[in-house]
Amino acid sequence: MMKSQRLDDARRKIEERDQAWQDEKADILKEVQRLKAEATRMVKILAMEYEEENLSEDKKRSLSQEVYSLQLVVEMRTGEVRNLREQLARAAQKLEQAEIVGEKLRKAT
């Protein structure tokens, strides 16, 4: 009877240990699943941030090209304005000379 009792105790302890391992295994699997979900969420966030960074890099590059383009346009317009001012100055000088010549002709006649 003692032997039977010891066998029952041993069997019960083994079953308890087995149940504890099963519970621990279930807890570990739940934690692993939670960590996998968290990792997936973090990867998605990083991917979105990376996309935003790339977009902002593309935007910066695009804006930089646009600024350069506008600088070229401003330089061209500045050159055109300078050219027009020179033409205006020459035209004003010719007009002044024409008025002087006209004045001299009126006096002569």
N, C-alpha and C. Protein backbone atom coordinates (compact mmCIF):
# COMPACT_ATOMS: atom_id res chain seq x y z
N MET A 1 0.81 -1.19 0.00
CA MET A 1 0.00 0.00 0.00
C MET A 1 0.86 1.26 0.00
N MET A 2 1.95 1.21 0.68
CA MET A 2 2.85 2.35 0.68
C MET A 2 3.39 2.62 -0.72
N LYS A 3 3.69 1.52 -1.38
CA LYS A 3 4.22 1.67 -2.73
C LYS A 3 3.18 2.30 -3.63
N SER A 4 1.95 1.88 -3.51
CA SER A 4 0.85 2.42 -4.30
C SER A 4 0.66 3.91 -3.98
N GLN A 5 0.76 4.25 -2.75
CA GLN A 5 0.62 5.65 -2.32
C GLN A 5 1.73 6.50 -2.93
N ARG A 6 2.95 5.99 -2.88
CA ARG A 6 4.08 6.74 -3.43
C ARG A 6 3.92 6.89 -4.94
N LEU A 7 3.45 5.85 -5.58
CA LEU A 7 3.24 5.92 -7.03
C LEU A 7 2.16 6.96 -7.36
N ASP A 8 1.09 6.95 -6.57
CA ASP A 8 0.03 7.95 -6.78
C ASP A 8 0.57 9.37 -6.56
N ASP A 9 1.37 9.56 -5.50
CA ASP A 9 1.96 10.87 -5.21
C ASP A 9 2.87 11.31 -6.37
N ALA A 10 3.69 10.37 -6.81
CA ALA A 10 4.61 10.67 -7.91
C ALA A 10 3.82 11.02 -9.17
N ARG A 11 2.77 10.21 -9.47
CA ARG A 11 1.95 10.47 -10.64
C ARG A 11 1.29 11.85 -10.52
N ARG A 12 0.75 12.15 -9.32
CA ARG A 12 0.09 13.44 -9.10
C ARG A 12 1.09 14.59 -9.28
N LYS A 13 2.29 14.45 -8.75
CA LYS A 13 3.32 15.50 -8.91
C LYS A 13 3.69 15.68 -10.38
N ILE A 14 3.82 14.54 -11.07
CA ILE A 14 4.15 14.61 -12.50
C ILE A 14 3.02 15.33 -13.25
N GLU A 15 1.78 14.99 -12.93
CA GLU A 15 0.64 15.64 -13.58
C GLU A 15 0.61 17.13 -13.24
N GLU A 16 0.90 17.47 -11.97
CA GLU A 16 0.93 18.90 -11.59
C GLU A 16 2.03 19.63 -12.34
N ARG A 17 3.23 19.00 -12.39
CA ARG A 17 4.34 19.62 -13.12
C ARG A 17 3.99 19.77 -14.60
N ASP A 18 3.38 18.69 -15.15
CA ASP A 18 2.98 18.74 -16.55
C ASP A 18 1.97 19.86 -16.79
N GLN A 19 1.00 20.00 -15.87
CA GLN A 19 0.00 21.06 -16.00
C GLN A 19 0.67 22.44 -15.89
N ALA A 20 1.63 22.57 -14.96
CA ALA A 20 2.35 23.84 -14.80
C ALA A 20 3.12 24.16 -16.09
N TRP A 21 3.76 23.14 -16.68
CA TRP A 21 4.48 23.36 -17.93
C TRP A 21 3.52 23.75 -19.06
N GLN A 22 2.38 23.07 -19.08
CA GLN A 22 1.39 23.39 -20.11
C GLN A 22 0.91 24.84 -19.95
N ASP A 23 0.65 25.25 -18.69
CA ASP A 23 0.22 26.63 -18.43
C ASP A 23 1.32 27.62 -18.83
N GLU A 24 2.56 27.28 -18.45
CA GLU A 24 3.68 28.16 -18.79
C GLU A 24 3.86 28.23 -20.30
N LYS A 25 3.71 27.08 -20.96
CA LYS A 25 3.83 27.03 -22.42
C LYS A 25 2.75 27.92 -23.06
N ALA A 26 1.51 27.84 -22.55
CA ALA A 26 0.42 28.66 -23.08
C ALA A 26 0.71 30.15 -22.86
N ASP A 27 1.22 30.48 -21.65
CA ASP A 27 1.58 31.88 -21.37
C ASP A 27 2.68 32.37 -22.31
N ILE A 28 3.69 31.50 -22.50
CA ILE A 28 4.80 31.87 -23.38
C ILE A 28 4.30 32.06 -24.81
N LEU A 29 3.44 31.15 -25.27
CA LEU A 29 2.90 31.28 -26.63
C LEU A 29 2.08 32.56 -26.78
N LYS A 30 1.30 32.88 -25.74
CA LYS A 30 0.52 34.13 -25.78
C LYS A 30 1.46 35.33 -25.86
N GLU A 31 2.54 35.29 -25.04
CA GLU A 31 3.50 36.39 -25.04
C GLU A 31 4.21 36.50 -26.40
N VAL A 32 4.55 35.34 -26.97
CA VAL A 32 5.19 35.34 -28.30
C VAL A 32 4.25 35.96 -29.33
N GLN A 33 2.97 35.58 -29.29
CA GLN A 33 1.99 36.15 -30.22
C GLN A 33 1.87 37.66 -30.02
N ARG A 34 1.85 38.08 -28.75
CA ARG A 34 1.76 39.52 -28.45
C ARG A 34 3.00 40.25 -29.00
N LEU A 35 4.18 39.65 -28.78
CA LEU A 35 5.41 40.26 -29.26
C LEU A 35 5.46 40.29 -30.79
N LYS A 36 4.96 39.23 -31.43
CA LYS A 36 4.89 39.23 -32.91
C LYS A 36 3.98 40.34 -33.41
N ALA A 37 2.84 40.49 -32.76
CA ALA A 37 1.90 41.54 -33.17
C ALA A 37 2.53 42.91 -32.97
N GLU A 38 3.22 43.09 -31.83
CA GLU A 38 3.89 44.36 -31.55
C GLU A 38 4.98 44.62 -32.59
N ALA A 39 5.76 43.59 -32.93
CA ALA A 39 6.82 43.74 -33.94
C ALA A 39 6.21 44.11 -35.29
N THR A 40 5.11 43.46 -35.65
CA THR A 40 4.44 43.77 -36.92
C THR A 40 3.97 45.22 -36.93
N ARG A 41 3.40 45.65 -35.80
CA ARG A 41 2.93 47.03 -35.69
C ARG A 41 4.10 48.01 -35.84
N MET A 42 5.22 47.70 -35.17
CA MET A 42 6.39 48.57 -35.25
C MET A 42 6.95 48.62 -36.68
N VAL A 43 6.97 47.47 -37.35
CA VAL A 43 7.45 47.43 -38.73
C VAL A 43 6.58 48.30 -39.62
N LYS A 44 5.26 48.22 -39.40
CA LYS A 44 4.34 49.06 -40.19
C LYS A 44 4.60 50.53 -39.94
N ILE A 45 4.79 50.89 -38.66
CA ILE A 45 5.06 52.30 -38.32
C ILE A 45 6.36 52.75 -38.97
N LEU A 46 7.41 51.91 -38.86
CA LEU A 46 8.69 52.26 -39.48
C LEU A 46 8.56 52.40 -41.00
N ALA A 47 7.80 51.51 -41.59
CA ALA A 47 7.59 51.57 -43.05
C ALA A 47 6.89 52.87 -43.43
N MET A 48 5.88 53.25 -42.62
CA MET A 48 5.17 54.50 -42.91
C MET A 48 6.10 55.70 -42.74
N GLU A 49 6.92 55.68 -41.66
CA GLU A 49 7.86 56.78 -41.45
C GLU A 49 8.87 56.85 -42.58
N TYR A 50 9.33 55.67 -43.04
CA TYR A 50 10.28 55.63 -44.14
C TYR A 50 9.66 56.21 -45.40
N GLU A 51 8.41 55.84 -45.67
CA GLU A 51 7.69 56.38 -46.82
C GLU A 51 7.59 57.90 -46.72
N GLU A 52 7.20 58.37 -45.51
CA GLU A 52 7.08 59.83 -45.31
C GLU A 52 8.42 60.51 -45.53
N GLU A 53 9.50 59.88 -45.02
CA GLU A 53 10.83 60.45 -45.18
C GLU A 53 11.18 60.52 -46.65
N ASN A 54 10.90 59.43 -47.38
CA ASN A 54 11.20 59.42 -48.81
C ASN A 54 10.38 60.47 -49.53
N LEU A 55 9.10 60.57 -49.15
CA LEU A 55 8.26 61.58 -49.78
C LEU A 55 8.81 62.96 -49.50
N SER A 56 9.20 63.19 -48.25
CA SER A 56 9.70 64.52 -47.92
C SER A 56 11.03 64.76 -48.64
N GLU A 57 11.85 63.71 -48.81
CA GLU A 57 13.08 63.87 -49.58
C GLU A 57 12.74 64.20 -51.03
N ASP A 58 11.75 63.50 -51.59
CA ASP A 58 11.32 63.80 -52.95
C ASP A 58 10.78 65.22 -53.04
N LYS A 59 9.99 65.62 -52.02
CA LYS A 59 9.45 66.98 -52.01
C LYS A 59 10.58 68.00 -51.95
N LYS A 60 11.58 67.73 -51.08
CA LYS A 60 12.72 68.65 -50.97
C LYS A 60 13.43 68.76 -52.31
N ARG A 61 13.67 67.59 -52.94
CA ARG A 61 14.36 67.59 -54.23
C ARG A 61 13.53 68.35 -55.26
N SER A 62 12.23 68.10 -55.26
CA SER A 62 11.34 68.77 -56.21
C SER A 62 11.32 70.27 -55.97
N LEU A 63 11.22 70.67 -54.69
CA LEU A 63 11.21 72.10 -54.36
C LEU A 63 12.54 72.74 -54.72
N SER A 64 13.62 72.03 -54.48
CA SER A 64 14.94 72.54 -54.82
C SER A 64 15.04 72.78 -56.33
N GLN A 65 14.54 71.83 -57.11
CA GLN A 65 14.56 71.99 -58.57
C GLN A 65 13.67 73.16 -58.98
N GLU A 66 12.53 73.29 -58.31
CA GLU A 66 11.62 74.39 -58.64
C GLU A 66 12.26 75.73 -58.32
N VAL A 67 12.94 75.81 -57.16
CA VAL A 67 13.63 77.04 -56.77
C VAL A 67 14.70 77.38 -57.80
N TYR A 68 15.48 76.38 -58.21
CA TYR A 68 16.52 76.60 -59.21
C TYR A 68 15.91 77.12 -60.51
N SER A 69 14.81 76.49 -60.91
CA SER A 69 14.11 76.89 -62.12
C SER A 69 13.64 78.34 -62.02
N LEU A 70 13.06 78.67 -60.86
CA LEU A 70 12.59 80.05 -60.66
C LEU A 70 13.74 81.04 -60.64
N GLN A 71 14.89 80.62 -60.07
CA GLN A 71 16.06 81.50 -60.09
C GLN A 71 16.49 81.80 -61.53
N LEU A 72 16.45 80.77 -62.37
CA LEU A 72 16.81 80.97 -63.78
C LEU A 72 15.83 81.94 -64.45
N VAL A 73 14.54 81.78 -64.15
CA VAL A 73 13.54 82.67 -64.72
C VAL A 73 13.78 84.10 -64.25
N VAL A 74 14.07 84.26 -62.96
CA VAL A 74 14.34 85.61 -62.42
C VAL A 74 15.56 86.22 -63.11
N GLU A 75 16.61 85.42 -63.28
CA GLU A 75 17.80 85.93 -63.97
C GLU A 75 17.47 86.35 -65.40
N MET A 76 16.67 85.53 -66.09
CA MET A 76 16.28 85.88 -67.46
C MET A 76 15.47 87.18 -67.47
N ARG A 77 14.50 87.27 -66.55
CA ARG A 77 13.66 88.47 -66.49
C ARG A 77 14.50 89.69 -66.14
N THR A 78 15.46 89.52 -65.23
CA THR A 78 16.33 90.64 -64.86
C THR A 78 17.12 91.10 -66.07
N GLY A 79 17.62 90.15 -66.85
CA GLY A 79 18.33 90.49 -68.08
C GLY A 79 17.43 91.22 -69.06
N GLU A 80 16.19 90.74 -69.19
CA GLU A 80 15.23 91.40 -70.09
C GLU A 80 14.93 92.82 -69.62
N VAL A 81 14.74 92.98 -68.31
CA VAL A 81 14.45 94.32 -67.77
C VAL A 81 15.64 95.25 -68.02
N ARG A 82 16.86 94.74 -67.78
CA ARG A 82 18.06 95.56 -68.03
C ARG A 82 18.13 95.98 -69.50
N ASN A 83 17.86 95.03 -70.36
CA ASN A 83 17.87 95.28 -71.80
C ASN A 83 16.82 96.34 -72.18
N LEU A 84 15.61 96.19 -71.62
CA LEU A 84 14.55 97.15 -71.91
C LEU A 84 14.90 98.55 -71.39
N ARG A 85 15.54 98.60 -70.21
CA ARG A 85 15.94 99.91 -69.67
C ARG A 85 16.98 100.58 -70.57
N GLU A 86 17.92 99.76 -71.08
CA GLU A 86 18.92 100.32 -71.99
C GLU A 86 18.26 100.84 -73.26
N GLN A 87 17.29 100.06 -73.79
CA GLN A 87 16.57 100.50 -74.99
C GLN A 87 15.81 101.79 -74.70
N LEU A 88 15.18 101.86 -73.53
CA LEU A 88 14.43 103.05 -73.14
C LEU A 88 15.37 104.26 -73.05
N ALA A 89 16.55 104.05 -72.45
CA ALA A 89 17.52 105.16 -72.32
C ALA A 89 17.98 105.63 -73.71
N ARG A 90 18.24 104.69 -74.61
CA ARG A 90 18.65 105.07 -75.98
C ARG A 90 17.51 105.81 -76.69
N ALA A 91 16.28 105.29 -76.51
CA ALA A 91 15.13 105.94 -77.15
C ALA A 91 14.93 107.35 -76.58
N ALA A 92 15.10 107.49 -75.25
CA ALA A 92 14.95 108.82 -74.64
C ALA A 92 16.03 109.76 -75.16
N GLN A 93 17.26 109.25 -75.31
CA GLN A 93 18.35 110.07 -75.83
C GLN A 93 18.07 110.50 -77.28
N LYS A 94 17.56 109.57 -78.11
CA LYS A 94 17.23 109.90 -79.49
C LYS A 94 16.10 110.93 -79.54
N LEU A 95 15.12 110.76 -78.64
CA LEU A 95 14.01 111.71 -78.59
C LEU A 95 14.53 113.10 -78.23
N GLU A 96 15.42 113.13 -77.25
CA GLU A 96 15.99 114.43 -76.83
C GLU A 96 16.77 115.06 -77.99
N GLN A 97 17.55 114.24 -78.69
CA GLN A 97 18.30 114.77 -79.83
C GLN A 97 17.35 115.24 -80.93
N ALA A 98 16.27 114.46 -81.16
CA ALA A 98 15.30 114.85 -82.17
C ALA A 98 14.63 116.17 -81.79
N GLU A 99 14.33 116.36 -80.50
CA GLU A 99 13.72 117.62 -80.05
C GLU A 99 14.69 118.79 -80.26
N ILE A 100 15.97 118.56 -80.00
CA ILE A 100 16.98 119.62 -80.20
C ILE A 100 17.07 119.97 -81.68
N VAL A 101 17.10 118.92 -82.51
CA VAL A 101 17.18 119.16 -83.96
C VAL A 101 15.91 119.89 -84.41
N GLY A 102 14.75 119.47 -83.92
CA GLY A 102 13.49 120.14 -84.29
C GLY A 102 13.50 121.58 -83.86
N GLU A 103 14.02 121.89 -82.67
CA GLU A 103 14.11 123.25 -82.14
C GLU A 103 15.01 124.09 -83.05
N LYS A 104 16.15 123.49 -83.44
CA LYS A 104 17.09 124.21 -84.30
C LYS A 104 16.43 124.50 -85.68
N LEU A 105 15.66 123.53 -86.19
CA LEU A 105 15.01 123.71 -87.48
C LEU A 105 13.96 124.82 -87.38
N ARG A 106 13.21 124.85 -86.28
CA ARG A 106 12.20 125.90 -86.12
C ARG A 106 12.86 127.27 -86.07
N LYS A 107 14.01 127.34 -85.38
CA LYS A 107 14.71 128.63 -85.27
C LYS A 107 15.27 129.04 -86.63
N ALA A 108 15.68 128.05 -87.41
CA ALA A 108 16.30 128.34 -88.69
C ALA A 108 15.26 128.83 -89.71
N THR A 109 14.01 128.40 -89.52
CA THR A 109 13.01 128.82 -90.50
C THR A 109 12.21 130.00 -90.06
